Amino acid sequence: MSKIEVKNVEGQATQTVELADSVYGITPNIPVVHRVVVAYESSMRQGTHSTKNRAAVSGGGRKPYRQKGTGRARQGTIRAPQFRGGGVVFGPTPHLHLKKVNRKEKKLAMRSVLSGKLADNELIVLDQLGFDKPCTKDAVKVLKNLGLTGKRVAIIVPDDQIDTYLSFRNIPGAEVYGAWEANTRILIDNAALVMTLEVAKHFEEALA
């Protein structure tokens, strides 16, 4: 079993817990992580890039000059690609950038990232992280106690802790997510990953 110290909001270790090796103790599969992240970022693209070919450019409805006798190359329209203002050859057209990733690959990628974060001491588990009301000042204090001031931090909180989410969302460099919206891209794109013990156990069940 993988062991990790559980801290409180004051930054003090309160206990040591064991996490499942199947989720937090595997050898990271870097190629799978890369494939999943690329697929995620590709799915975020709008795919609305477009250019006009010679048929879509306005104008050029008649021959610019007669076919023979001018000494120049024959031309059928001034909207051909070789003319200024003409159409684009093989330009981009609107299409989806979706890439298929298997469900097992997604889970393996998340397990790889969590295991890598734990091995690199970039995973911080808190016993609890609840706010009675939204308070950014208290959230900043928590990050300071954990030694994360000025770092890019991802905080994963239980989905029902709305006040906690609102407390962290305005802090520069800190991004807060619910447990169910966490994915490989979110888990890996940070210098430190903070979550509660409840969330850590949730990942054990969801990624087993």
N, C-alpha and C. Protein backbone atom coordinates (compact mmCIF):
# COMPACT_ATOMS: atom_id res chain seq x y z
N MET A 1 0.84 -1.20 0.00
CA MET A 1 0.00 0.00 0.00
C MET A 1 0.87 1.26 0.00
N SER A 2 0.45 2.28 -0.72
CA SER A 2 1.16 3.56 -0.76
C SER A 2 0.73 4.40 0.43
N LYS A 3 1.70 4.95 1.13
CA LYS A 3 1.40 5.73 2.32
C LYS A 3 1.61 7.21 2.04
N ILE A 4 0.78 8.04 2.67
CA ILE A 4 0.90 9.49 2.53
C ILE A 4 0.43 10.15 3.81
N GLU A 5 1.09 11.26 4.15
CA GLU A 5 0.69 12.02 5.32
C GLU A 5 -0.54 12.87 5.01
N VAL A 6 -1.48 12.84 5.90
CA VAL A 6 -2.68 13.67 5.78
C VAL A 6 -2.49 14.91 6.65
N LYS A 7 -2.68 16.08 6.05
CA LYS A 7 -2.47 17.34 6.75
C LYS A 7 -3.80 18.03 7.03
N ASN A 8 -3.76 18.97 7.97
CA ASN A 8 -4.93 19.81 8.20
C ASN A 8 -4.73 21.14 7.50
N VAL A 9 -5.67 22.05 7.62
CA VAL A 9 -5.59 23.33 6.92
C VAL A 9 -4.48 24.22 7.49
N GLU A 10 -3.92 23.84 8.63
CA GLU A 10 -2.80 24.59 9.20
C GLU A 10 -1.46 24.11 8.64
N GLY A 11 -1.50 23.07 7.83
CA GLY A 11 -0.27 22.54 7.24
C GLY A 11 0.43 21.52 8.11
N GLN A 12 -0.21 21.06 9.17
CA GLN A 12 0.40 20.10 10.09
C GLN A 12 -0.10 18.69 9.78
N ALA A 13 0.81 17.72 9.83
CA ALA A 13 0.45 16.33 9.59
C ALA A 13 -0.35 15.80 10.77
N THR A 14 -1.48 15.19 10.49
CA THR A 14 -2.35 14.67 11.54
C THR A 14 -2.35 13.14 11.60
N GLN A 15 -2.12 12.51 10.46
CA GLN A 15 -2.11 11.05 10.43
C GLN A 15 -1.46 10.58 9.14
N THR A 16 -1.19 9.31 9.08
CA THR A 16 -0.66 8.67 7.88
C THR A 16 -1.64 7.61 7.43
N VAL A 17 -2.03 7.68 6.17
CA VAL A 17 -3.01 6.73 5.64
C VAL A 17 -2.39 5.94 4.50
N GLU A 18 -2.99 4.80 4.23
CA GLU A 18 -2.56 3.95 3.14
C GLU A 18 -3.54 4.08 1.98
N LEU A 19 -2.98 4.28 0.80
CA LEU A 19 -3.79 4.38 -0.42
C LEU A 19 -3.51 3.18 -1.31
N ALA A 20 -4.47 2.83 -2.10
CA ALA A 20 -4.37 1.62 -2.93
C ALA A 20 -3.24 1.74 -3.94
N ASP A 21 -2.39 0.71 -3.98
CA ASP A 21 -1.28 0.72 -4.95
C ASP A 21 -1.79 0.66 -6.38
N SER A 22 -2.97 0.11 -6.58
CA SER A 22 -3.51 -0.01 -7.94
C SER A 22 -3.84 1.36 -8.54
N VAL A 23 -3.96 2.38 -7.69
CA VAL A 23 -4.28 3.72 -8.17
C VAL A 23 -3.13 4.70 -7.91
N TYR A 24 -2.48 4.58 -6.76
CA TYR A 24 -1.46 5.55 -6.37
C TYR A 24 -0.03 4.97 -6.36
N GLY A 25 0.12 3.71 -6.76
CA GLY A 25 1.45 3.12 -6.67
C GLY A 25 1.90 2.40 -7.92
N ILE A 26 1.33 2.73 -9.07
CA ILE A 26 1.74 2.05 -10.31
C ILE A 26 2.88 2.81 -10.98
N THR A 27 3.52 2.17 -11.94
CA THR A 27 4.51 2.84 -12.77
C THR A 27 3.79 3.64 -13.84
N PRO A 28 3.96 4.96 -13.87
CA PRO A 28 3.21 5.78 -14.83
C PRO A 28 3.44 5.35 -16.28
N ASN A 29 2.36 5.25 -17.03
CA ASN A 29 2.42 4.93 -18.45
C ASN A 29 2.39 6.24 -19.23
N ILE A 30 3.56 6.76 -19.54
CA ILE A 30 3.67 8.08 -20.16
C ILE A 30 3.00 8.15 -21.54
N PRO A 31 3.19 7.15 -22.42
CA PRO A 31 2.53 7.24 -23.74
C PRO A 31 1.01 7.33 -23.64
N VAL A 32 0.41 6.59 -22.72
CA VAL A 32 -1.04 6.65 -22.57
C VAL A 32 -1.48 8.01 -22.03
N VAL A 33 -0.72 8.56 -21.07
CA VAL A 33 -1.04 9.89 -20.55
C VAL A 33 -0.98 10.92 -21.67
N HIS A 34 0.05 10.83 -22.50
CA HIS A 34 0.18 11.77 -23.62
C HIS A 34 -0.99 11.66 -24.58
N ARG A 35 -1.37 10.42 -24.90
CA ARG A 35 -2.47 10.22 -25.85
C ARG A 35 -3.79 10.77 -25.30
N VAL A 36 -4.03 10.56 -24.02
CA VAL A 36 -5.27 11.03 -23.42
C VAL A 36 -5.30 12.56 -23.35
N VAL A 37 -4.18 13.19 -23.00
CA VAL A 37 -4.14 14.65 -22.92
C VAL A 37 -4.32 15.27 -24.30
N VAL A 38 -3.67 14.70 -25.31
CA VAL A 38 -3.82 15.20 -26.68
C VAL A 38 -5.27 15.08 -27.14
N ALA A 39 -5.91 13.96 -26.81
CA ALA A 39 -7.31 13.77 -27.19
C ALA A 39 -8.20 14.78 -26.50
N TYR A 40 -7.92 15.05 -25.23
CA TYR A 40 -8.73 16.03 -24.49
C TYR A 40 -8.59 17.42 -25.10
N GLU A 41 -7.36 17.84 -25.36
CA GLU A 41 -7.15 19.17 -25.93
C GLU A 41 -7.71 19.27 -27.34
N SER A 42 -7.66 18.18 -28.10
CA SER A 42 -8.24 18.20 -29.44
C SER A 42 -9.75 18.36 -29.38
N SER A 43 -10.38 17.75 -28.39
CA SER A 43 -11.83 17.85 -28.27
C SER A 43 -12.28 19.26 -27.89
N MET A 44 -11.36 20.06 -27.35
CA MET A 44 -11.69 21.42 -26.97
C MET A 44 -11.65 22.38 -28.15
N ARG A 45 -11.10 21.95 -29.27
CA ARG A 45 -11.01 22.81 -30.44
C ARG A 45 -12.39 22.98 -31.08
N GLN A 46 -12.69 24.19 -31.51
CA GLN A 46 -14.00 24.45 -32.10
C GLN A 46 -14.13 23.84 -33.49
N GLY A 47 -13.04 23.77 -34.22
CA GLY A 47 -13.10 23.20 -35.56
C GLY A 47 -13.80 24.08 -36.57
N THR A 48 -13.83 25.39 -36.31
CA THR A 48 -14.53 26.31 -37.21
C THR A 48 -13.59 26.99 -38.21
N HIS A 49 -12.33 26.57 -38.25
CA HIS A 49 -11.38 27.17 -39.19
C HIS A 49 -11.84 26.90 -40.62
N SER A 50 -11.73 27.90 -41.46
CA SER A 50 -12.24 27.75 -42.82
C SER A 50 -11.56 28.74 -43.76
N THR A 51 -11.43 28.35 -45.01
CA THR A 51 -10.94 29.25 -46.07
C THR A 51 -11.84 29.07 -47.29
N LYS A 52 -11.73 29.99 -48.23
CA LYS A 52 -12.52 29.92 -49.45
C LYS A 52 -11.65 29.41 -50.60
N ASN A 53 -12.18 28.43 -51.33
CA ASN A 53 -11.48 27.99 -52.54
C ASN A 53 -11.91 28.85 -53.72
N ARG A 54 -11.46 28.53 -54.90
CA ARG A 54 -11.72 29.37 -56.07
C ARG A 54 -13.20 29.41 -56.41
N ALA A 55 -13.96 28.41 -55.99
CA ALA A 55 -15.39 28.40 -56.28
C ALA A 55 -16.16 29.30 -55.33
N ALA A 56 -15.61 29.54 -54.13
CA ALA A 56 -16.34 30.30 -53.12
C ALA A 56 -15.98 31.79 -53.12
N VAL A 57 -14.86 32.16 -53.73
CA VAL A 57 -14.48 33.57 -53.77
C VAL A 57 -15.36 34.31 -54.76
N SER A 58 -15.84 35.47 -54.35
CA SER A 58 -16.71 36.23 -55.23
C SER A 58 -15.92 36.86 -56.37
N GLY A 59 -16.58 37.07 -57.50
CA GLY A 59 -15.95 37.69 -58.67
C GLY A 59 -15.36 36.64 -59.59
N GLY A 60 -14.73 37.14 -60.64
CA GLY A 60 -14.06 36.25 -61.58
C GLY A 60 -15.00 35.42 -62.42
N GLY A 61 -16.14 36.00 -62.79
CA GLY A 61 -17.11 35.22 -63.53
C GLY A 61 -16.82 35.12 -65.01
N ARG A 62 -15.87 35.88 -65.52
CA ARG A 62 -15.56 35.81 -66.95
C ARG A 62 -14.05 35.68 -67.14
N LYS A 63 -13.67 35.29 -68.34
CA LYS A 63 -12.24 35.19 -68.63
C LYS A 63 -11.60 36.58 -68.59
N PRO A 64 -10.42 36.71 -67.97
CA PRO A 64 -9.79 38.04 -67.89
C PRO A 64 -9.33 38.57 -69.26
N TYR A 65 -8.99 37.67 -70.15
CA TYR A 65 -8.62 38.05 -71.51
C TYR A 65 -8.81 36.84 -72.41
N ARG A 66 -8.69 37.07 -73.73
CA ARG A 66 -9.00 35.99 -74.66
C ARG A 66 -8.00 34.84 -74.55
N GLN A 67 -8.41 33.71 -75.08
CA GLN A 67 -7.63 32.48 -74.92
C GLN A 67 -6.28 32.56 -75.64
N LYS A 68 -6.28 33.07 -76.87
CA LYS A 68 -5.05 33.04 -77.67
C LYS A 68 -4.65 34.42 -78.14
N GLY A 69 -3.41 34.54 -78.52
CA GLY A 69 -2.95 35.75 -79.16
C GLY A 69 -2.38 36.81 -78.25
N THR A 70 -2.38 36.64 -76.97
CA THR A 70 -1.87 37.67 -76.06
C THR A 70 -0.43 37.42 -75.66
N GLY A 71 0.06 36.20 -75.87
CA GLY A 71 1.42 35.88 -75.45
C GLY A 71 1.51 35.48 -73.98
N ARG A 72 0.42 35.52 -73.33
CA ARG A 72 0.41 35.14 -71.91
C ARG A 72 -0.25 33.78 -71.73
N ALA A 73 -0.07 33.22 -70.54
CA ALA A 73 -0.68 31.92 -70.26
C ALA A 73 -2.20 32.07 -70.23
N ARG A 74 -2.88 31.06 -70.67
CA ARG A 74 -4.33 31.10 -70.70
C ARG A 74 -4.88 31.09 -69.27
N GLN A 75 -5.90 31.89 -69.05
CA GLN A 75 -6.53 32.00 -67.73
C GLN A 75 -8.04 31.98 -67.91
N GLY A 76 -8.71 31.29 -66.98
CA GLY A 76 -10.16 31.22 -67.05
C GLY A 76 -10.84 32.15 -66.07
N THR A 77 -10.13 32.55 -65.01
CA THR A 77 -10.73 33.44 -64.00
C THR A 77 -9.62 34.10 -63.18
N ILE A 78 -9.89 35.31 -62.71
CA ILE A 78 -8.90 36.00 -61.88
C ILE A 78 -9.02 35.57 -60.42
N ARG A 79 -9.91 34.65 -60.14
CA ARG A 79 -10.04 34.13 -58.78
C ARG A 79 -9.34 32.77 -58.62
N ALA A 80 -8.52 32.41 -59.59
CA ALA A 80 -7.70 31.20 -59.47
C ALA A 80 -6.63 31.43 -58.39
N PRO A 81 -6.09 30.38 -57.79
CA PRO A 81 -5.15 30.53 -56.67
C PRO A 81 -3.90 31.35 -56.98
N GLN A 82 -3.47 31.39 -58.24
CA GLN A 82 -2.23 32.11 -58.55
C GLN A 82 -2.44 33.63 -58.60
N PHE A 83 -3.68 34.10 -58.54
CA PHE A 83 -3.95 35.53 -58.56
C PHE A 83 -4.15 36.05 -57.14
N ARG A 84 -3.77 37.30 -56.94
CA ARG A 84 -4.03 37.94 -55.66
C ARG A 84 -5.55 38.08 -55.47
N GLY A 85 -6.03 37.68 -54.30
CA GLY A 85 -7.46 37.69 -54.05
C GLY A 85 -8.16 36.44 -54.52
N GLY A 86 -7.37 35.49 -55.03
CA GLY A 86 -7.96 34.25 -55.49
C GLY A 86 -8.22 33.28 -54.36
N GLY A 87 -8.72 32.10 -54.71
CA GLY A 87 -9.03 31.09 -53.70
C GLY A 87 -7.79 30.45 -53.13
N VAL A 88 -7.97 29.73 -52.03
CA VAL A 88 -6.88 29.04 -51.36
C VAL A 88 -6.89 27.57 -51.76
N VAL A 89 -5.70 27.05 -52.02
CA VAL A 89 -5.57 25.65 -52.40
C VAL A 89 -5.39 24.78 -51.16
N PHE A 90 -6.20 23.76 -51.00
CA PHE A 90 -6.10 22.82 -49.89
C PHE A 90 -6.11 23.51 -48.52
N GLY A 91 -6.94 24.55 -48.38
CA GLY A 91 -7.04 25.24 -47.11
C GLY A 91 -7.86 24.45 -46.10
N PRO A 92 -7.83 24.85 -44.83
CA PRO A 92 -8.59 24.13 -43.81
C PRO A 92 -10.09 24.32 -43.99
N THR A 93 -10.82 23.31 -43.64
CA THR A 93 -12.28 23.36 -43.71
C THR A 93 -12.85 22.95 -42.35
N PRO A 94 -14.05 23.40 -42.00
CA PRO A 94 -14.62 23.04 -40.70
C PRO A 94 -14.76 21.53 -40.52
N HIS A 95 -14.26 21.03 -39.41
CA HIS A 95 -14.41 19.61 -39.10
C HIS A 95 -14.11 19.39 -37.63
N LEU A 96 -14.53 18.26 -37.11
CA LEU A 96 -14.29 17.91 -35.72
C LEU A 96 -12.88 17.36 -35.54
N HIS A 97 -12.32 17.60 -34.36
CA HIS A 97 -10.97 17.11 -34.05
C HIS A 97 -11.01 16.01 -33.00
N LEU A 98 -12.13 15.35 -32.87
CA LEU A 98 -12.27 14.33 -31.84
C LEU A 98 -11.34 13.15 -32.10
N LYS A 99 -10.74 12.64 -31.03
CA LYS A 99 -9.89 11.46 -31.11
C LYS A 99 -10.46 10.41 -30.16
N LYS A 100 -10.56 9.20 -30.60
CA LYS A 100 -11.12 8.13 -29.78
C LYS A 100 -10.10 7.65 -28.76
N VAL A 101 -10.53 7.60 -27.52
CA VAL A 101 -9.70 7.06 -26.44
C VAL A 101 -10.56 6.06 -25.67
N ASN A 102 -10.04 4.89 -25.44
CA ASN A 102 -10.79 3.87 -24.72
C ASN A 102 -10.96 4.23 -23.25
N ARG A 103 -12.01 3.72 -22.65
CA ARG A 103 -12.29 4.01 -21.23
C ARG A 103 -11.17 3.50 -20.33
N LYS A 104 -10.63 2.35 -20.66
CA LYS A 104 -9.54 1.80 -19.85
C LYS A 104 -8.29 2.68 -19.94
N GLU A 105 -8.06 3.26 -21.11
CA GLU A 105 -6.91 4.16 -21.26
C GLU A 105 -7.09 5.42 -20.43
N LYS A 106 -8.31 5.94 -20.37
CA LYS A 106 -8.57 7.13 -19.56
C LYS A 106 -8.29 6.86 -18.08
N LYS A 107 -8.75 5.71 -17.59
CA LYS A 107 -8.52 5.36 -16.19
C LYS A 107 -7.04 5.12 -15.93
N LEU A 108 -6.36 4.44 -16.86
CA LEU A 108 -4.94 4.19 -16.69
C LEU A 108 -4.16 5.49 -16.66
N ALA A 109 -4.56 6.45 -17.49
CA ALA A 109 -3.87 7.75 -17.52
C ALA A 109 -4.02 8.48 -16.19
N MET A 110 -5.24 8.47 -15.64
CA MET A 110 -5.46 9.14 -14.36
C MET A 110 -4.69 8.45 -13.24
N ARG A 111 -4.67 7.12 -13.24
CA ARG A 111 -3.90 6.39 -12.23
C ARG A 111 -2.41 6.70 -12.37
N SER A 112 -1.94 6.83 -13.60
CA SER A 112 -0.53 7.14 -13.83
C SER A 112 -0.16 8.52 -13.28
N VAL A 113 -1.05 9.49 -13.51
CA VAL A 113 -0.78 10.85 -13.02
C VAL A 113 -0.80 10.89 -11.50
N LEU A 114 -1.79 10.25 -10.88
CA LEU A 114 -1.87 10.24 -9.42
C LEU A 114 -0.67 9.54 -8.81
N SER A 115 -0.23 8.46 -9.41
CA SER A 115 0.95 7.76 -8.91
C SER A 115 2.20 8.62 -9.06
N GLY A 116 2.31 9.31 -10.19
CA GLY A 116 3.46 10.18 -10.41
C GLY A 116 3.48 11.36 -9.45
N LYS A 117 2.31 11.93 -9.18
CA LYS A 117 2.23 13.04 -8.23
C LYS A 117 2.65 12.60 -6.83
N LEU A 118 2.22 11.43 -6.43
CA LEU A 118 2.59 10.93 -5.10
C LEU A 118 4.09 10.64 -5.04
N ALA A 119 4.63 10.05 -6.09
CA ALA A 119 6.05 9.74 -6.10
C ALA A 119 6.91 11.00 -6.11
N ASP A 120 6.41 12.08 -6.72
CA ASP A 120 7.17 13.33 -6.81
C ASP A 120 6.86 14.29 -5.66
N ASN A 121 6.10 13.82 -4.68
CA ASN A 121 5.72 14.66 -3.52
C ASN A 121 4.95 15.91 -3.94
N GLU A 122 4.16 15.79 -4.99
CA GLU A 122 3.34 16.89 -5.47
C GLU A 122 1.86 16.67 -5.16
N LEU A 123 1.56 15.64 -4.39
CA LEU A 123 0.19 15.34 -3.98
C LEU A 123 0.04 15.66 -2.50
N ILE A 124 -0.92 16.54 -2.18
CA ILE A 124 -1.19 16.93 -0.80
C ILE A 124 -2.62 16.53 -0.47
N VAL A 125 -2.75 15.73 0.58
CA VAL A 125 -4.07 15.25 1.02
C VAL A 125 -4.41 15.91 2.34
N LEU A 126 -5.58 16.52 2.41
CA LEU A 126 -6.05 17.19 3.62
C LEU A 126 -7.14 16.36 4.28
N ASP A 127 -7.20 16.44 5.61
CA ASP A 127 -8.24 15.69 6.31
C ASP A 127 -9.63 16.25 6.00
N GLN A 128 -9.72 17.57 5.87
CA GLN A 128 -10.97 18.20 5.47
C GLN A 128 -10.68 19.59 4.93
N LEU A 129 -11.56 20.08 4.10
CA LEU A 129 -11.38 21.40 3.49
C LEU A 129 -12.77 21.98 3.25
N GLY A 130 -13.42 22.36 4.34
CA GLY A 130 -14.77 22.87 4.24
C GLY A 130 -14.86 24.33 4.68
N PHE A 131 -15.70 25.10 4.00
CA PHE A 131 -15.93 26.49 4.33
C PHE A 131 -17.42 26.68 4.63
N ASP A 132 -17.71 27.39 5.72
CA ASP A 132 -19.10 27.66 6.07
C ASP A 132 -19.72 28.69 5.12
N LYS A 133 -18.86 29.55 4.58
CA LYS A 133 -19.29 30.55 3.62
C LYS A 133 -18.10 30.89 2.72
N PRO A 134 -18.33 31.40 1.53
CA PRO A 134 -17.21 31.74 0.65
C PRO A 134 -16.29 32.78 1.29
N CYS A 135 -15.00 32.50 1.32
CA CYS A 135 -14.04 33.43 1.91
C CYS A 135 -12.68 33.21 1.25
N THR A 136 -12.35 34.07 0.31
CA THR A 136 -11.08 33.95 -0.41
C THR A 136 -9.90 34.18 0.52
N LYS A 137 -10.08 35.03 1.51
CA LYS A 137 -9.00 35.32 2.45
C LYS A 137 -8.57 34.05 3.19
N ASP A 138 -9.54 33.27 3.64
CA ASP A 138 -9.23 32.02 4.34
C ASP A 138 -8.60 31.00 3.38
N ALA A 139 -9.04 30.99 2.14
CA ALA A 139 -8.47 30.07 1.16
C ALA A 139 -7.01 30.40 0.88
N VAL A 140 -6.69 31.69 0.79
CA VAL A 140 -5.30 32.11 0.59
C VAL A 140 -4.45 31.67 1.78
N LYS A 141 -5.02 31.77 2.97
CA LYS A 141 -4.30 31.36 4.18
C LYS A 141 -4.00 29.87 4.17
N VAL A 142 -4.95 29.08 3.68
CA VAL A 142 -4.73 27.64 3.60
C VAL A 142 -3.56 27.32 2.67
N LEU A 143 -3.52 27.95 1.51
CA LEU A 143 -2.42 27.72 0.57
C LEU A 143 -1.09 28.17 1.16
N LYS A 144 -1.11 29.26 1.92
CA LYS A 144 0.11 29.73 2.56
C LYS A 144 0.60 28.72 3.59
N ASN A 145 -0.31 28.16 4.37
CA ASN A 145 0.08 27.17 5.38
C ASN A 145 0.66 25.91 4.75
N LEU A 146 0.22 25.60 3.55
CA LEU A 146 0.71 24.41 2.85
C LEU A 146 1.97 24.69 2.04
N GLY A 147 2.43 25.95 2.04
CA GLY A 147 3.63 26.31 1.29
C GLY A 147 3.42 26.36 -0.20
N LEU A 148 2.21 26.70 -0.62
CA LEU A 148 1.88 26.70 -2.05
C LEU A 148 1.63 28.10 -2.60
N THR A 149 2.00 29.12 -1.86
CA THR A 149 1.79 30.49 -2.33
C THR A 149 2.59 30.75 -3.59
N GLY A 150 1.94 31.26 -4.61
CA GLY A 150 2.62 31.59 -5.86
C GLY A 150 2.79 30.43 -6.81
N LYS A 151 2.37 29.23 -6.43
CA LYS A 151 2.50 28.07 -7.29
C LYS A 151 1.19 27.80 -8.04
N ARG A 152 1.32 27.10 -9.15
CA ARG A 152 0.13 26.68 -9.89
C ARG A 152 -0.44 25.44 -9.19
N VAL A 153 -1.61 25.60 -8.65
CA VAL A 153 -2.20 24.56 -7.81
C VAL A 153 -3.56 24.15 -8.37
N ALA A 154 -3.83 22.86 -8.33
CA ALA A 154 -5.15 22.34 -8.66
C ALA A 154 -5.76 21.77 -7.39
N ILE A 155 -6.93 22.26 -7.02
CA ILE A 155 -7.61 21.79 -5.82
C ILE A 155 -8.84 20.99 -6.24
N ILE A 156 -8.92 19.75 -5.80
CA ILE A 156 -10.06 18.89 -6.10
C ILE A 156 -10.90 18.77 -4.84
N VAL A 157 -12.14 19.20 -4.91
CA VAL A 157 -13.02 19.20 -3.73
C VAL A 157 -14.25 18.34 -4.02
N PRO A 158 -14.91 17.85 -2.98
CA PRO A 158 -16.17 17.11 -3.20
C PRO A 158 -17.18 17.99 -3.93
N ASP A 159 -18.02 17.38 -4.72
CA ASP A 159 -18.92 18.12 -5.59
C ASP A 159 -19.94 18.96 -4.83
N ASP A 160 -20.22 18.60 -3.58
CA ASP A 160 -21.24 19.33 -2.84
C ASP A 160 -20.69 20.51 -2.04
N GLN A 161 -19.38 20.74 -2.10
CA GLN A 161 -18.79 21.84 -1.33
C GLN A 161 -18.71 23.11 -2.19
N ILE A 162 -19.84 23.72 -2.37
CA ILE A 162 -19.92 24.91 -3.22
C ILE A 162 -19.15 26.08 -2.61
N ASP A 163 -19.25 26.27 -1.30
CA ASP A 163 -18.57 27.38 -0.65
C ASP A 163 -17.04 27.24 -0.76
N THR A 164 -16.54 26.03 -0.72
CA THR A 164 -15.10 25.80 -0.89
C THR A 164 -14.68 26.17 -2.30
N TYR A 165 -15.50 25.77 -3.27
CA TYR A 165 -15.21 26.10 -4.67
C TYR A 165 -15.16 27.62 -4.87
N LEU A 166 -16.13 28.33 -4.31
CA LEU A 166 -16.20 29.78 -4.47
C LEU A 166 -15.04 30.47 -3.75
N SER A 167 -14.51 29.86 -2.71
CA SER A 167 -13.43 30.48 -1.95
C SER A 167 -12.11 30.45 -2.71
N PHE A 168 -11.87 29.41 -3.50
CA PHE A 168 -10.58 29.25 -4.19
C PHE A 168 -10.58 29.76 -5.62
N ARG A 169 -11.74 29.97 -6.21
CA ARG A 169 -11.78 30.19 -7.66
C ARG A 169 -11.16 31.52 -8.10
N ASN A 170 -11.06 32.51 -7.20
CA ASN A 170 -10.53 33.82 -7.60
C ASN A 170 -9.05 33.99 -7.26
N ILE A 171 -8.40 32.95 -6.76
CA ILE A 171 -6.99 33.06 -6.39
C ILE A 171 -6.13 32.85 -7.63
N PRO A 172 -5.25 33.80 -7.98
CA PRO A 172 -4.39 33.64 -9.15
C PRO A 172 -3.51 32.39 -9.02
N GLY A 173 -3.45 31.62 -10.07
CA GLY A 173 -2.62 30.42 -10.07
C GLY A 173 -3.29 29.20 -9.48
N ALA A 174 -4.44 29.36 -8.86
CA ALA A 174 -5.15 28.23 -8.26
C ALA A 174 -6.39 27.92 -9.07
N GLU A 175 -6.61 26.65 -9.36
CA GLU A 175 -7.80 26.22 -10.07
C GLU A 175 -8.49 25.15 -9.24
N VAL A 176 -9.78 25.28 -9.09
CA VAL A 176 -10.54 24.37 -8.23
C VAL A 176 -11.57 23.63 -9.08
N TYR A 177 -11.70 22.33 -8.83
CA TYR A 177 -12.60 21.49 -9.60
C TYR A 177 -13.35 20.56 -8.66
N GLY A 178 -14.52 20.13 -9.10
CA GLY A 178 -15.24 19.09 -8.39
C GLY A 178 -14.65 17.74 -8.71
N ALA A 179 -14.88 16.77 -7.83
CA ALA A 179 -14.27 15.45 -8.01
C ALA A 179 -14.72 14.79 -9.31
N TRP A 180 -15.97 14.98 -9.71
CA TRP A 180 -16.49 14.30 -10.89
C TRP A 180 -16.04 14.94 -12.20
N GLU A 181 -15.55 16.18 -12.16
CA GLU A 181 -15.08 16.80 -13.40
C GLU A 181 -13.57 16.68 -13.58
N ALA A 182 -12.89 16.06 -12.62
CA ALA A 182 -11.44 15.88 -12.72
C ALA A 182 -11.11 14.93 -13.86
N ASN A 183 -10.07 15.25 -14.60
CA ASN A 183 -9.60 14.37 -15.66
C ASN A 183 -8.08 14.44 -15.71
N THR A 184 -7.48 13.70 -16.62
CA THR A 184 -6.03 13.62 -16.69
C THR A 184 -5.40 14.97 -16.93
N ARG A 185 -5.98 15.78 -17.80
CA ARG A 185 -5.44 17.10 -18.12
C ARG A 185 -5.43 17.99 -16.89
N ILE A 186 -6.49 17.94 -16.08
CA ILE A 186 -6.57 18.76 -14.87
C ILE A 186 -5.57 18.28 -13.82
N LEU A 187 -5.46 16.97 -13.66
CA LEU A 187 -4.59 16.43 -12.62
C LEU A 187 -3.12 16.68 -12.89
N ILE A 188 -2.72 16.72 -14.16
CA ILE A 188 -1.30 16.81 -14.48
C ILE A 188 -0.82 18.25 -14.68
N ASP A 189 -1.73 19.15 -15.02
CA ASP A 189 -1.32 20.52 -15.38
C ASP A 189 -1.22 21.41 -14.15
N ASN A 190 -0.28 21.14 -13.27
CA ASN A 190 -0.10 21.93 -12.06
C ASN A 190 1.23 21.58 -11.42
N ALA A 191 1.64 22.41 -10.48
CA ALA A 191 2.85 22.13 -9.71
C ALA A 191 2.55 21.41 -8.42
N ALA A 192 1.29 21.43 -8.01
CA ALA A 192 0.87 20.72 -6.80
C ALA A 192 -0.60 20.38 -6.92
N LEU A 193 -0.95 19.19 -6.46
CA LEU A 193 -2.32 18.71 -6.52
C LEU A 193 -2.83 18.54 -5.09
N VAL A 194 -3.90 19.27 -4.76
CA VAL A 194 -4.45 19.25 -3.41
C VAL A 194 -5.85 18.63 -3.46
N MET A 195 -6.10 17.71 -2.55
CA MET A 195 -7.42 17.10 -2.45
C MET A 195 -7.67 16.65 -1.01
N THR A 196 -8.91 16.43 -0.71
CA THR A 196 -9.25 15.93 0.61
C THR A 196 -9.13 14.40 0.62
N LEU A 197 -9.08 13.84 1.80
CA LEU A 197 -9.01 12.39 1.93
C LEU A 197 -10.25 11.74 1.32
N GLU A 198 -11.37 12.41 1.43
CA GLU A 198 -12.60 11.90 0.83
C GLU A 198 -12.47 11.77 -0.68
N VAL A 199 -11.87 12.76 -1.31
CA VAL A 199 -11.68 12.72 -2.76
C VAL A 199 -10.67 11.64 -3.14
N ALA A 200 -9.60 11.51 -2.34
CA ALA A 200 -8.60 10.48 -2.61
C ALA A 200 -9.22 9.09 -2.58
N LYS A 201 -10.10 8.85 -1.62
CA LYS A 201 -10.79 7.56 -1.54
C LYS A 201 -11.79 7.40 -2.70
N HIS A 202 -12.36 8.51 -3.13
CA HIS A 202 -13.28 8.47 -4.28
C HIS A 202 -12.55 8.01 -5.53
N PHE A 203 -11.32 8.52 -5.74
CA PHE A 203 -10.54 8.09 -6.90
C PHE A 203 -10.18 6.61 -6.81
N GLU A 204 -9.95 6.13 -5.60
CA GLU A 204 -9.65 4.71 -5.44
C GLU A 204 -10.80 3.85 -5.97
N GLU A 205 -12.02 4.25 -5.64
CA GLU A 205 -13.18 3.49 -6.08
C GLU A 205 -13.47 3.68 -7.56
N ALA A 206 -13.35 4.90 -8.04
CA ALA A 206 -13.72 5.20 -9.42
C ALA A 206 -12.71 4.65 -10.42
N LEU A 207 -11.43 4.56 -10.03
CA LEU A 207 -10.38 4.17 -10.97
C LEU A 207 -9.89 2.74 -10.76
N ALA A 208 -10.49 2.04 -9.82
CA ALA A 208 -10.05 0.66 -9.55
C ALA A 208 -10.30 -0.24 -10.76
